[in-house]
């Protein structure tokens, strides 16, 4: 075979590449450093993908986070005032036997509350039980606890000896009396037959429920979010986010101190 043909075939069909790790560079041989082995070719640095600019994180900490905190705070405050977890009510009533106070006969309507009403009635820091009709509203109220059921209204007995609380009116111009009693989960209303018939009863309470109270959570969500946001920013190496949180956190703190000072001074 011609030597020239062999040489041409060798050039057109070169041998496979040989790779030396940490070896000297040889002609026709590729050499790689072992320090590059195991590196993630899709890492942020290798892929050339830059993280968000620090000013974006600053804006997020200064404006975006407090917007979400404000939404959460408003939601807690709305729940605290809604009575969703702080009230019982009933629109279902039945006609009961009439009662008499002295020479006056009174009609009686009975309202049946939920199963937990009896154990909670008059045991809260502040409570009121309101009776509504088309023309008047009466109520009883007090400041109680789990150990003492406090009811501020006086008691009057009917002709059978049963005690009733004398209701007060939201409209002080009423010239008749209404009596309220409670037995278990039932509320009974004695009223003059000549007046409007009771159609609705509502028991509402308000306690200083600590950190589990929605009103307290509406306030606590601000410092908790500020502290958490600052810690998160530094932990994730996004200090600009923490600086943004510090600014609005300081404003909230100063405003809180100022409002508390005014409240104590008045």
C-alpha atoms as a PDB file:
ATOM      1  CA  UNK A   1       0.000   0.000   0.000  1.00  0.00           C
ATOM      2  CA  UNK A   2       1.236   3.477  -0.840  1.00  0.00           C
ATOM      3  CA  UNK A   3       2.601   5.390   2.180  1.00  0.00           C
ATOM      4  CA  UNK A   4       0.948   8.570   0.946  1.00  0.00           C
ATOM      5  CA  UNK A   5      -2.439   6.882   1.079  1.00  0.00           C
ATOM      6  CA  UNK A   6      -1.834   5.796   4.671  1.00  0.00           C
ATOM      7  CA  UNK A   7      -0.864   9.306   5.695  1.00  0.00           C
ATOM      8  CA  UNK A   8      -3.943  10.771   4.070  1.00  0.00           C
ATOM      9  CA  UNK A   9      -6.193   8.264   5.800  1.00  0.00           C
ATOM     10  CA  UNK A  10      -4.628   9.108   9.197  1.00  0.00           C
ATOM     11  CA  UNK A  11      -5.279  12.794   8.721  1.00  0.00           C
ATOM     12  CA  UNK A  12      -8.867  12.331   7.585  1.00  0.00           C
ATOM     13  CA  UNK A  13      -9.589   9.925  10.462  1.00  0.00           C
ATOM     14  CA  UNK A  14      -7.821  11.402  13.505  1.00  0.00           C
ATOM     15  CA  UNK A  15      -7.855   9.425  16.790  1.00  0.00           C
ATOM     16  CA  UNK A  16     -10.439  10.207  19.476  1.00  0.00           C
ATOM     17  CA  UNK A  17      -9.637  13.075  21.834  1.00  0.00           C
ATOM     18  CA  UNK A  18      -7.660  12.256  24.955  1.00  0.00           C
ATOM     19  CA  UNK A  19      -8.334  14.382  28.003  1.00  0.00           C
ATOM     20  CA  UNK A  20      -5.740  14.780  30.739  1.00  0.00           C
ATOM     21  CA  UNK A  21      -6.921  16.083  34.101  1.00  0.00           C
ATOM     22  CA  UNK A  22      -4.469  18.566  35.619  1.00  0.00           C
ATOM     23  CA  UNK A  23      -1.928  17.427  33.102  1.00  0.00           C
ATOM     24  CA  UNK A  24       0.359  19.339  30.772  1.00  0.00           C
ATOM     25  CA  UNK A  25      -1.090  20.626  27.557  1.00  0.00           C
ATOM     26  CA  UNK A  26      -0.058  18.357  24.702  1.00  0.00           C
ATOM     27  CA  UNK A  27      -0.568  18.799  21.020  1.00  0.00           C
ATOM     28  CA  UNK A  28      -3.910  17.303  20.020  1.00  0.00           C
ATOM     29  CA  UNK A  29      -4.813  16.656  23.686  1.00  0.00           C
ATOM     30  CA  UNK A  30      -7.359  18.688  25.718  1.00  0.00           C
ATOM     31  CA  UNK A  31      -6.552  19.350  29.349  1.00  0.00           C
ATOM     32  CA  UNK A  32      -9.066  20.405  32.028  1.00  0.00           C
ATOM     33  CA  UNK A  33      -8.505  21.480  35.580  1.00  0.00           C
ATOM     34  CA  UNK A  34     -10.168  19.283  38.189  1.00  0.00           C
ATOM     35  CA  UNK A  35     -11.369  22.475  39.918  1.00  0.00           C
ATOM     36  CA  UNK A  36     -13.946  22.889  37.174  1.00  0.00           C
ATOM     37  CA  UNK A  37     -15.296  19.379  37.546  1.00  0.00           C
ATOM     38  CA  UNK A  38     -18.599  19.157  39.352  1.00  0.00           C
ATOM     39  CA  UNK A  39     -19.418  22.822  38.691  1.00  0.00           C
ATOM     40  CA  UNK A  40     -23.051  23.476  37.859  1.00  0.00           C
ATOM     41  CA  UNK A  41     -23.125  24.790  34.285  1.00  0.00           C
ATOM     42  CA  UNK A  42     -26.633  26.161  34.890  1.00  0.00           C
ATOM     43  CA  UNK A  43     -25.782  28.246  37.939  1.00  0.00           C
ATOM     44  CA  UNK A  44     -26.750  31.906  37.956  1.00  0.00           C
ATOM     45  CA  UNK A  45     -23.139  33.029  37.508  1.00  0.00           C
ATOM     46  CA  UNK A  46     -22.384  30.629  34.675  1.00  0.00           C
ATOM     47  CA  UNK A  47     -25.639  31.268  32.872  1.00  0.00           C
ATOM     48  CA  UNK A  48     -25.095  34.983  33.043  1.00  0.00           C
ATOM     49  CA  UNK A  49     -28.464  35.645  34.690  1.00  0.00           C
ATOM     50  CA  UNK A  50     -28.237  38.569  37.118  1.00  0.00           C
ATOM     51  CA  UNK A  51     -30.422  38.902  40.204  1.00  0.00           C
ATOM     52  CA  UNK A  52     -32.930  41.728  40.605  1.00  0.00           C
ATOM     53  CA  UNK A  53     -31.356  45.130  41.195  1.00  0.00           C
ATOM     54  CA  UNK A  54     -31.106  46.215  44.803  1.00  0.00           C
ATOM     55  CA  UNK A  55     -33.387  49.182  44.172  1.00  0.00           C
ATOM     56  CA  UNK A  56     -36.194  46.756  43.262  1.00  0.00           C
ATOM     57  CA  UNK A  57     -35.838  45.058  46.657  1.00  0.00           C
ATOM     58  CA  UNK A  58     -35.743  48.454  48.346  1.00  0.00           C
ATOM     59  CA  UNK A  59     -39.029  49.456  46.706  1.00  0.00           C
ATOM     60  CA  UNK A  60     -40.549  46.110  47.664  1.00  0.00           C
ATOM     61  CA  UNK A  61     -39.595  46.592  51.288  1.00  0.00           C
ATOM     62  CA  UNK A  62     -40.675  50.237  51.406  1.00  0.00           C
ATOM     63  CA  UNK A  63     -44.007  50.003  49.552  1.00  0.00           C
ATOM     64  CA  UNK A  64     -45.101  46.469  48.569  1.00  0.00           C
ATOM     65  CA  UNK A  65     -44.762  44.788  51.979  1.00  0.00           C
ATOM     66  CA  UNK A  66     -46.615  47.525  53.932  1.00  0.00           C
ATOM     67  CA  UNK A  67     -49.455  47.381  51.390  1.00  0.00           C
ATOM     68  CA  UNK A  68     -49.969  43.673  52.118  1.00  0.00           C
ATOM     69  CA  UNK A  69     -49.617  44.295  55.853  1.00  0.00           C
ATOM     70  CA  UNK A  70     -52.238  47.046  55.658  1.00  0.00           C
ATOM     71  CA  UNK A  71     -54.629  44.670  53.871  1.00  0.00           C
ATOM     72  CA  UNK A  72     -54.101  42.015  56.562  1.00  0.00           C
ATOM     73  CA  UNK A  73     -54.528  44.568  59.367  1.00  0.00           C
ATOM     74  CA  UNK A  74     -57.759  45.894  57.848  1.00  0.00           C
ATOM     75  CA  UNK A  75     -59.093  42.359  57.455  1.00  0.00           C
ATOM     76  CA  UNK A  76     -58.440  41.558  61.128  1.00  0.00           C
ATOM     77  CA  UNK A  77     -60.073  44.821  62.214  1.00  0.00           C
ATOM     78  CA  UNK A  78     -63.118  44.108  60.043  1.00  0.00           C
ATOM     79  CA  UNK A  79     -63.486  40.641  61.558  1.00  0.00           C
ATOM     80  CA  UNK A  80     -63.207  42.136  65.042  1.00  0.00           C
ATOM     81  CA  UNK A  81     -66.128  44.489  64.338  1.00  0.00           C
ATOM     82  CA  UNK A  82     -68.241  42.087  62.307  1.00  0.00           C
ATOM     83  CA  UNK A  83     -69.430  39.984  65.235  1.00  0.00           C
ATOM     84  CA  UNK A  84     -68.667  36.842  63.208  1.00  0.00           C
ATOM     85  CA  UNK A  85     -66.988  35.208  66.183  1.00  0.00           C
ATOM     86  CA  UNK A  86     -68.334  37.466  68.944  1.00  0.00           C
ATOM     87  CA  UNK A  87     -72.103  37.215  68.800  1.00  0.00           C
ATOM     88  CA  UNK A  88     -75.163  35.019  68.855  1.00  0.00           C
ATOM     89  CA  UNK A  89     -78.457  35.972  67.299  1.00  0.00           C
ATOM     90  CA  UNK A  90     -81.897  34.552  66.639  1.00  0.00           C
ATOM     91  CA  UNK A  91     -84.863  35.496  64.498  1.00  0.00           C
ATOM     92  CA  UNK A  92     -86.889  32.425  65.380  1.00  0.00           C
ATOM     93  CA  UNK A  93     -89.374  33.030  68.164  1.00  0.00           C
ATOM     94  CA  UNK A  94     -92.387  31.329  69.685  1.00  0.00           C
ATOM     95  CA  UNK A  95     -95.369  32.658  71.551  1.00  0.00           C
ATOM     96  CA  UNK A  96     -95.272  31.836  75.273  1.00  0.00           C
ATOM     97  CA  UNK A  97     -97.817  32.129  78.077  1.00  0.00           C
ATOM     98  CA  UNK A  98     -98.570  35.662  79.193  1.00  0.00           C
ATOM     99  CA  UNK A  99     -97.195  36.935  82.515  1.00  0.00           C
ATOM    100  CA  UNK A 100     -98.348  39.694  84.844  1.00  0.00           C
ATOM    101  CA  UNK A 101     -96.476  42.338  86.767  1.00  0.00           C
ATOM    102  CA  UNK A 102     -98.929  43.669  89.305  1.00  0.00           C
ATOM    103  CA  UNK A 103    -102.118  44.469  87.458  1.00  0.00           C
ATOM    104  CA  UNK A 104    -100.534  44.626  83.990  1.00  0.00           C
ATOM    105  CA  UNK A 105    -100.493  41.632  81.653  1.00  0.00           C
ATOM    106  CA  UNK A 106     -97.544  41.162  79.310  1.00  0.00           C
ATOM    107  CA  UNK A 107     -97.205  39.047  76.191  1.00  0.00           C
ATOM    108  CA  UNK A 108     -94.100  36.837  76.003  1.00  0.00           C
ATOM    109  CA  UNK A 109     -91.960  35.781  73.050  1.00  0.00           C
ATOM    110  CA  UNK A 110     -89.240  33.161  73.348  1.00  0.00           C
ATOM    111  CA  UNK A 111     -86.073  33.190  71.235  1.00  0.00           C
ATOM    112  CA  UNK A 112     -83.823  30.132  70.978  1.00  0.00           C
ATOM    113  CA  UNK A 113     -80.097  30.735  70.607  1.00  0.00           C
ATOM    114  CA  UNK A 114     -77.257  28.375  69.652  1.00  0.00           C
ATOM    115  CA  UNK A 115     -76.089  25.544  71.901  1.00  0.00           C
ATOM    116  CA  UNK A 116     -73.141  27.523  73.350  1.00  0.00           C
ATOM    117  CA  UNK A 117     -75.182  30.513  74.425  1.00  0.00           C
ATOM    118  CA  UNK A 118     -75.978  29.278  77.937  1.00  0.00           C
ATOM    119  CA  UNK A 119     -72.331  28.689  78.886  1.00  0.00           C
ATOM    120  CA  UNK A 120     -71.223  32.082  77.529  1.00  0.00           C
ATOM    121  CA  UNK A 121     -74.092  34.345  78.521  1.00  0.00           C
ATOM    122  CA  UNK A 122     -72.984  37.317  80.682  1.00  0.00           C
ATOM    123  CA  UNK A 123     -69.450  35.946  81.122  1.00  0.00           C
ATOM    124  CA  UNK A 124     -67.529  38.386  78.916  1.00  0.00           C
ATOM    125  CA  UNK A 125     -65.593  41.540  79.701  1.00  0.00           C
ATOM    126  CA  UNK A 126     -68.383  43.520  78.087  1.00  0.00           C
ATOM    127  CA  UNK A 127     -71.635  42.188  76.656  1.00  0.00           C
ATOM    128  CA  UNK A 128     -75.161  43.231  75.760  1.00  0.00           C
ATOM    129  CA  UNK A 129     -78.336  41.403  74.818  1.00  0.00           C
ATOM    130  CA  UNK A 130     -80.536  43.470  72.515  1.00  0.00           C
ATOM    131  CA  UNK A 131     -84.165  42.931  71.556  1.00  0.00           C
ATOM    132  CA  UNK A 132     -85.399  44.595  68.374  1.00  0.00           C
ATOM    133  CA  UNK A 133     -88.889  45.399  67.096  1.00  0.00           C
ATOM    134  CA  UNK A 134     -90.217  47.670  64.361  1.00  0.00           C
ATOM    135  CA  UNK A 135     -90.573  50.616  66.750  1.00  0.00           C
ATOM    136  CA  UNK A 136     -88.223  50.098  69.728  1.00  0.00           C
ATOM    137  CA  UNK A 137     -85.045  48.383  70.932  1.00  0.00           C
ATOM    138  CA  UNK A 138     -84.426  47.203  74.461  1.00  0.00           C
ATOM    139  CA  UNK A 139     -81.333  45.684  76.000  1.00  0.00           C
ATOM    140  CA  UNK A 140     -79.551  44.421  79.092  1.00  0.00           C
ATOM    141  CA  UNK A 141     -75.780  44.567  79.491  1.00  0.00           C
ATOM    142  CA  UNK A 142     -72.936  44.078  81.923  1.00  0.00           C
ATOM    143  CA  UNK A 143     -69.279  43.290  82.590  1.00  0.00           C
ATOM    144  CA  UNK A 144     -68.846  39.663  83.541  1.00  0.00           C
ATOM    145  CA  UNK A 145     -66.302  36.851  83.702  1.00  0.00           C
ATOM    146  CA  UNK A 146     -66.299  33.083  83.652  1.00  0.00           C
ATOM    147  CA  UNK A 147     -66.688  33.105  87.440  1.00  0.00           C
ATOM    148  CA  UNK A 148     -69.145  35.972  87.860  1.00  0.00           C
ATOM    149  CA  UNK A 149     -72.113  36.814  85.624  1.00  0.00           C
ATOM    150  CA  UNK A 150     -72.552  40.541  86.015  1.00  0.00           C
ATOM    151  CA  UNK A 151     -75.812  42.130  84.848  1.00  0.00           C
ATOM    152  CA  UNK A 152     -76.298  45.853  85.476  1.00  0.00           C
ATOM    153  CA  UNK A 153     -80.088  46.068  85.153  1.00  0.00           C
ATOM    154  CA  UNK A 154     -82.415  45.684  88.165  1.00  0.00           C
ATOM    155  CA  UNK A 155     -84.538  42.568  88.696  1.00  0.00           C
ATOM    156  CA  UNK A 156     -88.319  42.450  89.083  1.00  0.00           C
ATOM    157  CA  UNK A 157     -90.441  39.392  89.853  1.00  0.00           C
ATOM    158  CA  UNK A 158     -93.679  38.590  88.049  1.00  0.00           C
ATOM    159  CA  UNK A 159     -96.814  37.341  89.835  1.00  0.00           C
ATOM    160  CA  UNK A 160     -95.507  33.764  89.841  1.00  0.00           C
ATOM    161  CA  UNK A 161     -92.257  34.781  91.552  1.00  0.00           C
ATOM    162  CA  UNK A 162     -90.055  34.416  88.483  1.00  0.00           C
ATOM    163  CA  UNK A 163     -87.320  37.073  88.194  1.00  0.00           C
ATOM    164  CA  UNK A 164     -86.932  39.231  85.070  1.00  0.00           C
ATOM    165  CA  UNK A 165     -84.370  41.900  84.222  1.00  0.00           C
ATOM    166  CA  UNK A 166     -85.828  45.317  83.511  1.00  0.00           C
ATOM    167  CA  UNK A 167     -84.630  46.279  80.032  1.00  0.00           C
ATOM    168  CA  UNK A 168     -83.268  49.677  79.080  1.00  0.00           C
ATOM    169  CA  UNK A 169     -84.131  51.383  75.806  1.00  0.00           C
ATOM    170  CA  UNK A 170     -81.895  52.926  73.179  1.00  0.00           C
ATOM    171  CA  UNK A 171     -84.684  55.484  72.817  1.00  0.00           C
ATOM    172  CA  UNK A 172     -85.187  56.980  76.276  1.00  0.00           C
ATOM    173  CA  UNK A 173     -88.642  58.330  75.398  1.00  0.00           C
ATOM    174  CA  UNK A 174     -90.426  54.984  75.759  1.00  0.00           C
ATOM    175  CA  UNK A 175     -93.145  55.126  78.427  1.00  0.00           C
ATOM    176  CA  UNK A 176     -93.579  51.395  79.032  1.00  0.00           C
ATOM    177  CA  UNK A 177     -91.502  48.572  80.502  1.00  0.00           C
ATOM    178  CA  UNK A 178     -89.991  45.474  78.891  1.00  0.00           C
ATOM    179  CA  UNK A 179     -88.623  42.509  80.813  1.00  0.00           C
ATOM    180  CA  UNK A 180     -86.000  39.966  79.757  1.00  0.00           C
ATOM    181  CA  UNK A 181     -85.135  36.564  81.208  1.00  0.00           C
ATOM    182  CA  UNK A 182     -82.816  33.743  80.220  1.00  0.00           C
ATOM    183  CA  UNK A 183     -83.140  30.008  80.752  1.00  0.00           C
ATOM    184  CA  UNK A 184     -80.529  27.761  79.198  1.00  0.00           C
ATOM    185  CA  UNK A 185     -80.229  28.634  75.514  1.00  0.00           C
ATOM    186  CA  UNK A 186     -83.563  30.493  75.500  1.00  0.00           C
ATOM    187  CA  UNK A 187     -84.261  34.209  75.889  1.00  0.00           C
ATOM    188  CA  UNK A 188     -87.753  35.364  76.875  1.00  0.00           C
ATOM    189  CA  UNK A 189     -89.124  38.845  76.279  1.00  0.00           C
ATOM    190  CA  UNK A 190     -92.160  40.147  78.184  1.00  0.00           C
ATOM    191  CA  UNK A 191     -93.661  43.254  76.544  1.00  0.00           C
ATOM    192  CA  UNK A 192     -96.964  45.141  76.552  1.00  0.00           C
ATOM    193  CA  UNK A 193     -99.333  43.624  73.964  1.00  0.00           C
ATOM    194  CA  UNK A 194    -100.095  47.116  72.666  1.00  0.00           C
ATOM    195  CA  UNK A 195     -96.512  47.630  71.443  1.00  0.00           C
ATOM    196  CA  UNK A 196     -94.591  46.097  68.553  1.00  0.00           C
ATOM    197  CA  UNK A 197     -93.768  42.406  68.781  1.00  0.00           C
ATOM    198  CA  UNK A 198     -90.079  41.465  69.198  1.00  0.00           C
ATOM    199  CA  UNK A 199     -88.644  39.976  66.020  1.00  0.00           C
ATOM    200  CA  UNK A 200     -84.900  39.672  66.671  1.00  0.00           C
ATOM    201  CA  UNK A 201     -82.446  39.157  69.540  1.00  0.00           C
ATOM    202  CA  UNK A 202     -78.713  39.685  69.400  1.00  0.00           C
ATOM    203  CA  UNK A 203     -76.095  38.860  72.016  1.00  0.00           C
ATOM    204  CA  UNK A 204     -72.745  40.597  71.477  1.00  0.00           C
ATOM    205  CA  UNK A 205     -69.580  40.503  73.527  1.00  0.00           C
ATOM    206  CA  UNK A 206     -66.162  42.100  73.537  1.00  0.00           C
ATOM    207  CA  UNK A 207     -63.174  40.833  75.464  1.00  0.00           C
ATOM    208  CA  UNK A 208     -59.524  41.731  75.659  1.00  0.00           C
ATOM    209  CA  UNK A 209     -58.656  38.416  74.120  1.00  0.00           C
ATOM    210  CA  UNK A 210     -54.875  38.892  74.109  1.00  0.00           C
ATOM    211  CA  UNK A 211     -52.951  38.058  70.947  1.00  0.00           C
ATOM    212  CA  UNK A 212     -55.773  35.797  69.763  1.00  0.00           C
ATOM    213  CA  UNK A 213     -58.205  38.686  69.623  1.00  0.00           C
ATOM    214  CA  UNK A 214     -58.743  39.996  66.079  1.00  0.00           C
ATOM    215  CA  UNK A 215     -58.472  43.581  67.280  1.00  0.00           C
ATOM    216  CA  UNK A 216     -55.077  42.842  68.818  1.00  0.00           C
ATOM    217  CA  UNK A 217     -53.913  41.000  65.703  1.00  0.00           C
ATOM    218  CA  UNK A 218     -54.818  44.028  63.590  1.00  0.00           C
ATOM    219  CA  UNK A 219     -52.200  45.990  65.554  1.00  0.00           C
ATOM    220  CA  UNK A 220     -49.597  43.270  66.144  1.00  0.00           C
ATOM    221  CA  UNK A 221     -49.337  42.365  62.459  1.00  0.00           C
ATOM    222  CA  UNK A 222     -47.379  45.605  61.872  1.00  0.00           C
ATOM    223  CA  UNK A 223     -44.397  45.099  64.231  1.00  0.00           C
ATOM    224  CA  UNK A 224     -44.301  41.361  63.530  1.00  0.00           C
ATOM    225  CA  UNK A 225     -44.135  41.977  59.774  1.00  0.00           C
ATOM    226  CA  UNK A 226     -41.478  44.668  60.183  1.00  0.00           C
ATOM    227  CA  UNK A 227     -39.213  42.471  62.319  1.00  0.00           C
ATOM    228  CA  UNK A 228     -39.751  39.475  60.052  1.00  0.00           C
ATOM    229  CA  UNK A 229     -39.114  41.513  56.910  1.00  0.00           C
ATOM    230  CA  UNK A 230     -35.852  42.946  58.234  1.00  0.00           C
ATOM    231  CA  UNK A 231     -34.601  39.520  59.317  1.00  0.00           C
ATOM    232  CA  UNK A 232     -35.592  37.944  55.998  1.00  0.00           C
ATOM    233  CA  UNK A 233     -33.831  40.621  53.953  1.00  0.00           C
ATOM    234  CA  UNK A 234     -30.502  40.230  55.731  1.00  0.00           C
ATOM    235  CA  UNK A 235     -30.754  36.418  55.789  1.00  0.00           C
ATOM    236  CA  UNK A 236     -31.331  36.309  52.022  1.00  0.00           C
ATOM    237  CA  UNK A 237     -28.553  38.846  51.358  1.00  0.00           C
ATOM    238  CA  UNK A 238     -31.008  41.465  50.200  1.00  0.00           C
ATOM    239  CA  UNK A 239     -30.143  44.311  52.577  1.00  0.00           C
ATOM    240  CA  UNK A 240     -31.944  46.890  50.452  1.00  0.00           C
ATOM    241  CA  UNK A 241     -35.232  45.137  51.249  1.00  0.00           C
ATOM    242  CA  UNK A 242     -34.431  45.354  54.958  1.00  0.00           C
ATOM    243  CA  UNK A 243     -33.577  49.050  54.678  1.00  0.00           C
ATOM    244  CA  UNK A 244     -36.925  49.729  53.001  1.00  0.00           C
ATOM    245  CA  UNK A 245     -38.756  47.887  55.793  1.00  0.00           C
ATOM    246  CA  UNK A 246     -36.774  49.832  58.407  1.00  0.00           C
ATOM    247  CA  UNK A 247     -38.020  53.139  57.009  1.00  0.00           C
ATOM    248  CA  UNK A 248     -41.756  52.412  57.169  1.00  0.00           C
ATOM    249  CA  UNK A 249     -41.268  50.410  60.372  1.00  0.00           C
ATOM    250  CA  UNK A 250     -39.722  53.456  62.032  1.00  0.00           C
ATOM    251  CA  UNK A 251     -42.602  55.645  60.847  1.00  0.00           C
ATOM    252  CA  UNK A 252     -45.171  53.207  62.248  1.00  0.00           C
ATOM    253  CA  UNK A 253     -43.296  53.016  65.552  1.00  0.00           C
ATOM    254  CA  UNK A 254     -43.125  56.804  65.924  1.00  0.00           C
ATOM    255  CA  UNK A 255     -46.795  57.182  65.000  1.00  0.00           C
ATOM    256  CA  UNK A 256     -47.772  54.515  67.548  1.00  0.00           C
ATOM    257  CA  UNK A 257     -45.774  56.197  70.304  1.00  0.00           C
ATOM    258  CA  UNK A 258     -47.269  59.585  69.421  1.00  0.00           C
ATOM    259  CA  UNK A 259     -50.864  58.256  69.439  1.00  0.00           C
ATOM    260  CA  UNK A 260     -50.262  56.460  72.742  1.00  0.00           C
ATOM    261  CA  UNK A 261     -48.828  59.645  74.274  1.00  0.00           C
ATOM    262  CA  UNK A 262     -51.838  61.698  73.138  1.00  0.00           C
ATOM    263  CA  UNK A 263     -54.239  59.066  74.483  1.00  0.00           C
ATOM    264  CA  UNK A 264     -52.550  59.056  77.887  1.00  0.00           C
ATOM    265  CA  UNK A 265     -52.451  62.853  78.022  1.00  0.00           C
ATOM    266  CA  UNK A 266     -56.179  63.266  77.362  1.00  0.00           C
END
